[in-house]
């Protein structure tokens, strides 16, 4: 940008096309890096949600009275916080972009899993509500409206 203004002042060679092309190439590279990093961080978190949700042969239809959030919820929040810390060390300007995408993927997976539940007793309903509210509270700063 500084070179462009200096050359414009001298009425010399125009770099408008080069600048435009550079900006376009940067945008493409930025999107590819974002997609790759996002996939690298999202996939492991998403992959463990279902196995952890049903660890110990958990059955929503035989759920006992809830005493708090289940371990899969705590693990989701822990993993998301770890990614947030990692991204913040790289650069604070990247946090919102990565985290909104990660939280969206986590919420979509949780939604998919809850939609697949075929039977649930009243305690299972309460447990699901507690889990969802805990996930919402933990991930709220990065949730879209």
C-alpha atoms as a PDB file:
ATOM      1  CA  UNK A   1       0.000   0.000   0.000  1.00  0.00           C
ATOM      2  CA  UNK A   2       2.798   2.447   0.789  1.00  0.00           C
ATOM      3  CA  UNK A   3       4.603   1.595  -2.467  1.00  0.00           C
ATOM      4  CA  UNK A   4       1.385   2.166  -4.398  1.00  0.00           C
ATOM      5  CA  UNK A   5       0.918   5.655  -2.954  1.00  0.00           C
ATOM      6  CA  UNK A   6       4.557   6.581  -3.644  1.00  0.00           C
ATOM      7  CA  UNK A   7       4.281   5.422  -7.259  1.00  0.00           C
ATOM      8  CA  UNK A   8       0.955   7.211  -7.685  1.00  0.00           C
ATOM      9  CA  UNK A   9       2.597  10.422  -6.459  1.00  0.00           C
ATOM     10  CA  UNK A  10       5.244  10.048  -9.154  1.00  0.00           C
ATOM     11  CA  UNK A  11       2.715   9.181 -11.882  1.00  0.00           C
ATOM     12  CA  UNK A  12       4.725   6.095 -12.621  1.00  0.00           C
ATOM     13  CA  UNK A  13       3.850   2.457 -13.100  1.00  0.00           C
ATOM     14  CA  UNK A  14       0.380   1.479 -11.872  1.00  0.00           C
ATOM     15  CA  UNK A  15       0.245  -1.450  -9.488  1.00  0.00           C
ATOM     16  CA  UNK A  16      -3.545  -1.591  -9.172  1.00  0.00           C
ATOM     17  CA  UNK A  17      -3.842  -4.961 -10.877  1.00  0.00           C
ATOM     18  CA  UNK A  18      -0.988  -6.439  -8.835  1.00  0.00           C
ATOM     19  CA  UNK A  19      -2.479  -5.136  -5.593  1.00  0.00           C
ATOM     20  CA  UNK A  20      -5.932  -6.490  -6.445  1.00  0.00           C
ATOM     21  CA  UNK A  21      -4.513  -9.872  -7.401  1.00  0.00           C
ATOM     22  CA  UNK A  22      -2.426  -9.991  -4.209  1.00  0.00           C
ATOM     23  CA  UNK A  23      -5.468  -9.242  -2.082  1.00  0.00           C
ATOM     24  CA  UNK A  24      -7.452 -11.973  -3.862  1.00  0.00           C
ATOM     25  CA  UNK A  25      -4.636 -14.503  -3.432  1.00  0.00           C
ATOM     26  CA  UNK A  26      -4.344 -13.590   0.247  1.00  0.00           C
ATOM     27  CA  UNK A  27      -8.097 -14.127   0.711  1.00  0.00           C
ATOM     28  CA  UNK A  28      -7.926 -17.553  -0.921  1.00  0.00           C
ATOM     29  CA  UNK A  29      -4.927 -18.564   1.186  1.00  0.00           C
ATOM     30  CA  UNK A  30      -6.574 -17.233   4.341  1.00  0.00           C
ATOM     31  CA  UNK A  31      -9.724 -19.277   3.682  1.00  0.00           C
ATOM     32  CA  UNK A  32      -7.726 -22.441   2.968  1.00  0.00           C
ATOM     33  CA  UNK A  33      -5.710 -22.037   6.168  1.00  0.00           C
ATOM     34  CA  UNK A  34      -8.872 -21.345   8.149  1.00  0.00           C
ATOM     35  CA  UNK A  35     -10.652 -24.402   6.730  1.00  0.00           C
ATOM     36  CA  UNK A  36      -7.663 -26.657   7.382  1.00  0.00           C
ATOM     37  CA  UNK A  37      -7.101 -25.424  10.933  1.00  0.00           C
ATOM     38  CA  UNK A  38     -10.813 -25.575  11.675  1.00  0.00           C
ATOM     39  CA  UNK A  39     -11.026 -29.161  10.440  1.00  0.00           C
ATOM     40  CA  UNK A  40      -7.916 -30.097  12.406  1.00  0.00           C
ATOM     41  CA  UNK A  41      -9.433 -28.774  15.634  1.00  0.00           C
ATOM     42  CA  UNK A  42     -13.134 -29.599  15.085  1.00  0.00           C
ATOM     43  CA  UNK A  43     -12.962 -33.194  13.955  1.00  0.00           C
ATOM     44  CA  UNK A  44     -11.373 -34.674  17.109  1.00  0.00           C
ATOM     45  CA  UNK A  45     -13.847 -32.861  19.360  1.00  0.00           C
ATOM     46  CA  UNK A  46     -16.863 -33.847  17.270  1.00  0.00           C
ATOM     47  CA  UNK A  47     -15.665 -37.444  16.977  1.00  0.00           C
ATOM     48  CA  UNK A  48     -15.613 -38.026  20.744  1.00  0.00           C
ATOM     49  CA  UNK A  49     -19.002 -36.532  21.604  1.00  0.00           C
ATOM     50  CA  UNK A  50     -21.164 -39.554  20.750  1.00  0.00           C
ATOM     51  CA  UNK A  51     -18.934 -42.241  22.304  1.00  0.00           C
ATOM     52  CA  UNK A  52     -18.606 -40.171  25.463  1.00  0.00           C
ATOM     53  CA  UNK A  53     -22.324 -39.417  25.582  1.00  0.00           C
ATOM     54  CA  UNK A  54     -23.069 -43.135  25.689  1.00  0.00           C
ATOM     55  CA  UNK A  55     -20.086 -44.292  27.732  1.00  0.00           C
ATOM     56  CA  UNK A  56     -20.953 -46.905  30.317  1.00  0.00           C
ATOM     57  CA  UNK A  57     -23.905 -48.058  28.178  1.00  0.00           C
ATOM     58  CA  UNK A  58     -25.881 -44.960  29.149  1.00  0.00           C
ATOM     59  CA  UNK A  59     -29.572 -45.206  28.258  1.00  0.00           C
ATOM     60  CA  UNK A  60     -31.800 -42.115  28.196  1.00  0.00           C
ATOM     61  CA  UNK A  61     -34.833 -44.314  28.879  1.00  0.00           C
ATOM     62  CA  UNK A  62     -33.287 -45.653  32.113  1.00  0.00           C
ATOM     63  CA  UNK A  63     -31.665 -42.452  33.330  1.00  0.00           C
ATOM     64  CA  UNK A  64     -31.500 -41.963  37.088  1.00  0.00           C
ATOM     65  CA  UNK A  65     -32.163 -38.622  38.741  1.00  0.00           C
ATOM     66  CA  UNK A  66     -29.582 -36.098  37.474  1.00  0.00           C
ATOM     67  CA  UNK A  67     -27.035 -34.666  39.889  1.00  0.00           C
ATOM     68  CA  UNK A  68     -25.238 -32.417  37.414  1.00  0.00           C
ATOM     69  CA  UNK A  69     -23.819 -32.252  33.938  1.00  0.00           C
ATOM     70  CA  UNK A  70     -22.505 -35.517  32.575  1.00  0.00           C
ATOM     71  CA  UNK A  71     -18.832 -36.026  31.807  1.00  0.00           C
ATOM     72  CA  UNK A  72     -19.209 -35.657  28.038  1.00  0.00           C
ATOM     73  CA  UNK A  73     -20.415 -32.076  28.603  1.00  0.00           C
ATOM     74  CA  UNK A  74     -17.395 -31.284  30.756  1.00  0.00           C
ATOM     75  CA  UNK A  75     -15.094 -32.796  28.159  1.00  0.00           C
ATOM     76  CA  UNK A  76     -16.667 -30.756  25.345  1.00  0.00           C
ATOM     77  CA  UNK A  77     -16.222 -27.526  27.284  1.00  0.00           C
ATOM     78  CA  UNK A  78     -12.673 -28.458  28.288  1.00  0.00           C
ATOM     79  CA  UNK A  79     -11.671 -29.226  24.700  1.00  0.00           C
ATOM     80  CA  UNK A  80     -13.245 -26.037  23.362  1.00  0.00           C
ATOM     81  CA  UNK A  81     -11.475 -23.957  26.008  1.00  0.00           C
ATOM     82  CA  UNK A  82      -8.174 -25.616  25.071  1.00  0.00           C
ATOM     83  CA  UNK A  83      -8.683 -24.670  21.420  1.00  0.00           C
ATOM     84  CA  UNK A  84      -9.603 -21.118  22.459  1.00  0.00           C
ATOM     85  CA  UNK A  85      -6.382 -20.815  24.453  1.00  0.00           C
ATOM     86  CA  UNK A  86      -4.330 -22.207  21.593  1.00  0.00           C
ATOM     87  CA  UNK A  87      -5.867 -19.796  19.085  1.00  0.00           C
ATOM     88  CA  UNK A  88      -5.476 -16.841  21.452  1.00  0.00           C
ATOM     89  CA  UNK A  89      -1.723 -17.540  21.646  1.00  0.00           C
ATOM     90  CA  UNK A  90      -1.521 -17.365  17.843  1.00  0.00           C
ATOM     91  CA  UNK A  91      -3.445 -14.112  17.670  1.00  0.00           C
ATOM     92  CA  UNK A  92      -6.447 -12.616  19.415  1.00  0.00           C
ATOM     93  CA  UNK A  93      -7.893 -11.517  16.055  1.00  0.00           C
ATOM     94  CA  UNK A  94      -8.442 -15.177  15.086  1.00  0.00           C
ATOM     95  CA  UNK A  95     -10.319 -16.259  18.217  1.00  0.00           C
ATOM     96  CA  UNK A  96     -13.838 -15.201  17.263  1.00  0.00           C
ATOM     97  CA  UNK A  97     -13.613 -16.618  13.756  1.00  0.00           C
ATOM     98  CA  UNK A  98     -12.340 -20.044  14.828  1.00  0.00           C
ATOM     99  CA  UNK A  99     -14.470 -20.320  17.942  1.00  0.00           C
ATOM    100  CA  UNK A 100     -17.774 -19.421  16.269  1.00  0.00           C
ATOM    101  CA  UNK A 101     -17.127 -22.103  13.675  1.00  0.00           C
ATOM    102  CA  UNK A 102     -16.076 -24.680  16.301  1.00  0.00           C
ATOM    103  CA  UNK A 103     -19.047 -23.956  18.561  1.00  0.00           C
ATOM    104  CA  UNK A 104     -21.422 -24.174  15.590  1.00  0.00           C
ATOM    105  CA  UNK A 105     -20.031 -27.622  14.724  1.00  0.00           C
ATOM    106  CA  UNK A 106     -20.328 -28.809  18.337  1.00  0.00           C
ATOM    107  CA  UNK A 107     -23.914 -27.564  18.599  1.00  0.00           C
ATOM    108  CA  UNK A 108     -24.877 -29.210  15.316  1.00  0.00           C
ATOM    109  CA  UNK A 109     -23.459 -32.525  16.522  1.00  0.00           C
ATOM    110  CA  UNK A 110     -25.220 -32.270  19.893  1.00  0.00           C
ATOM    111  CA  UNK A 111     -28.466 -31.446  18.085  1.00  0.00           C
ATOM    112  CA  UNK A 112     -28.022 -34.426  15.757  1.00  0.00           C
ATOM    113  CA  UNK A 113     -27.393 -36.774  18.668  1.00  0.00           C
ATOM    114  CA  UNK A 114     -30.391 -35.533  20.659  1.00  0.00           C
ATOM    115  CA  UNK A 115     -32.622 -35.896  17.593  1.00  0.00           C
ATOM    116  CA  UNK A 116     -31.567 -39.558  17.341  1.00  0.00           C
ATOM    117  CA  UNK A 117     -32.759 -40.408  20.862  1.00  0.00           C
ATOM    118  CA  UNK A 118     -35.778 -42.668  20.484  1.00  0.00           C
ATOM    119  CA  UNK A 119     -36.903 -43.137  24.085  1.00  0.00           C
ATOM    120  CA  UNK A 120     -36.320 -41.003  27.149  1.00  0.00           C
ATOM    121  CA  UNK A 121     -37.784 -41.137  30.651  1.00  0.00           C
ATOM    122  CA  UNK A 122     -38.546 -38.008  32.694  1.00  0.00           C
ATOM    123  CA  UNK A 123     -35.121 -38.107  34.372  1.00  0.00           C
ATOM    124  CA  UNK A 124     -33.557 -38.407  30.933  1.00  0.00           C
ATOM    125  CA  UNK A 125     -35.411 -35.258  29.875  1.00  0.00           C
ATOM    126  CA  UNK A 126     -34.125 -33.396  32.915  1.00  0.00           C
ATOM    127  CA  UNK A 127     -30.587 -34.696  32.308  1.00  0.00           C
ATOM    128  CA  UNK A 128     -30.732 -33.573  28.669  1.00  0.00           C
ATOM    129  CA  UNK A 129     -31.950 -30.131  29.778  1.00  0.00           C
ATOM    130  CA  UNK A 130     -29.119 -29.842  32.330  1.00  0.00           C
ATOM    131  CA  UNK A 131     -26.542 -30.915  29.742  1.00  0.00           C
ATOM    132  CA  UNK A 132     -27.826 -28.477  27.124  1.00  0.00           C
ATOM    133  CA  UNK A 133     -27.930 -25.591  29.597  1.00  0.00           C
ATOM    134  CA  UNK A 134     -24.370 -26.323  30.754  1.00  0.00           C
ATOM    135  CA  UNK A 135     -23.128 -26.458  27.160  1.00  0.00           C
ATOM    136  CA  UNK A 136     -24.970 -23.230  26.410  1.00  0.00           C
ATOM    137  CA  UNK A 137     -23.488 -21.493  29.451  1.00  0.00           C
ATOM    138  CA  UNK A 138     -19.972 -22.660  28.638  1.00  0.00           C
ATOM    139  CA  UNK A 139     -20.048 -21.808  24.945  1.00  0.00           C
ATOM    140  CA  UNK A 140     -22.324 -18.744  25.035  1.00  0.00           C
ATOM    141  CA  UNK A 141     -19.611 -16.154  24.219  1.00  0.00           C
ATOM    142  CA  UNK A 142     -19.157 -17.772  20.817  1.00  0.00           C
ATOM    143  CA  UNK A 143     -22.743 -18.672  19.955  1.00  0.00           C
ATOM    144  CA  UNK A 144     -24.593 -16.838  17.200  1.00  0.00           C
ATOM    145  CA  UNK A 145     -27.957 -15.365  18.019  1.00  0.00           C
END
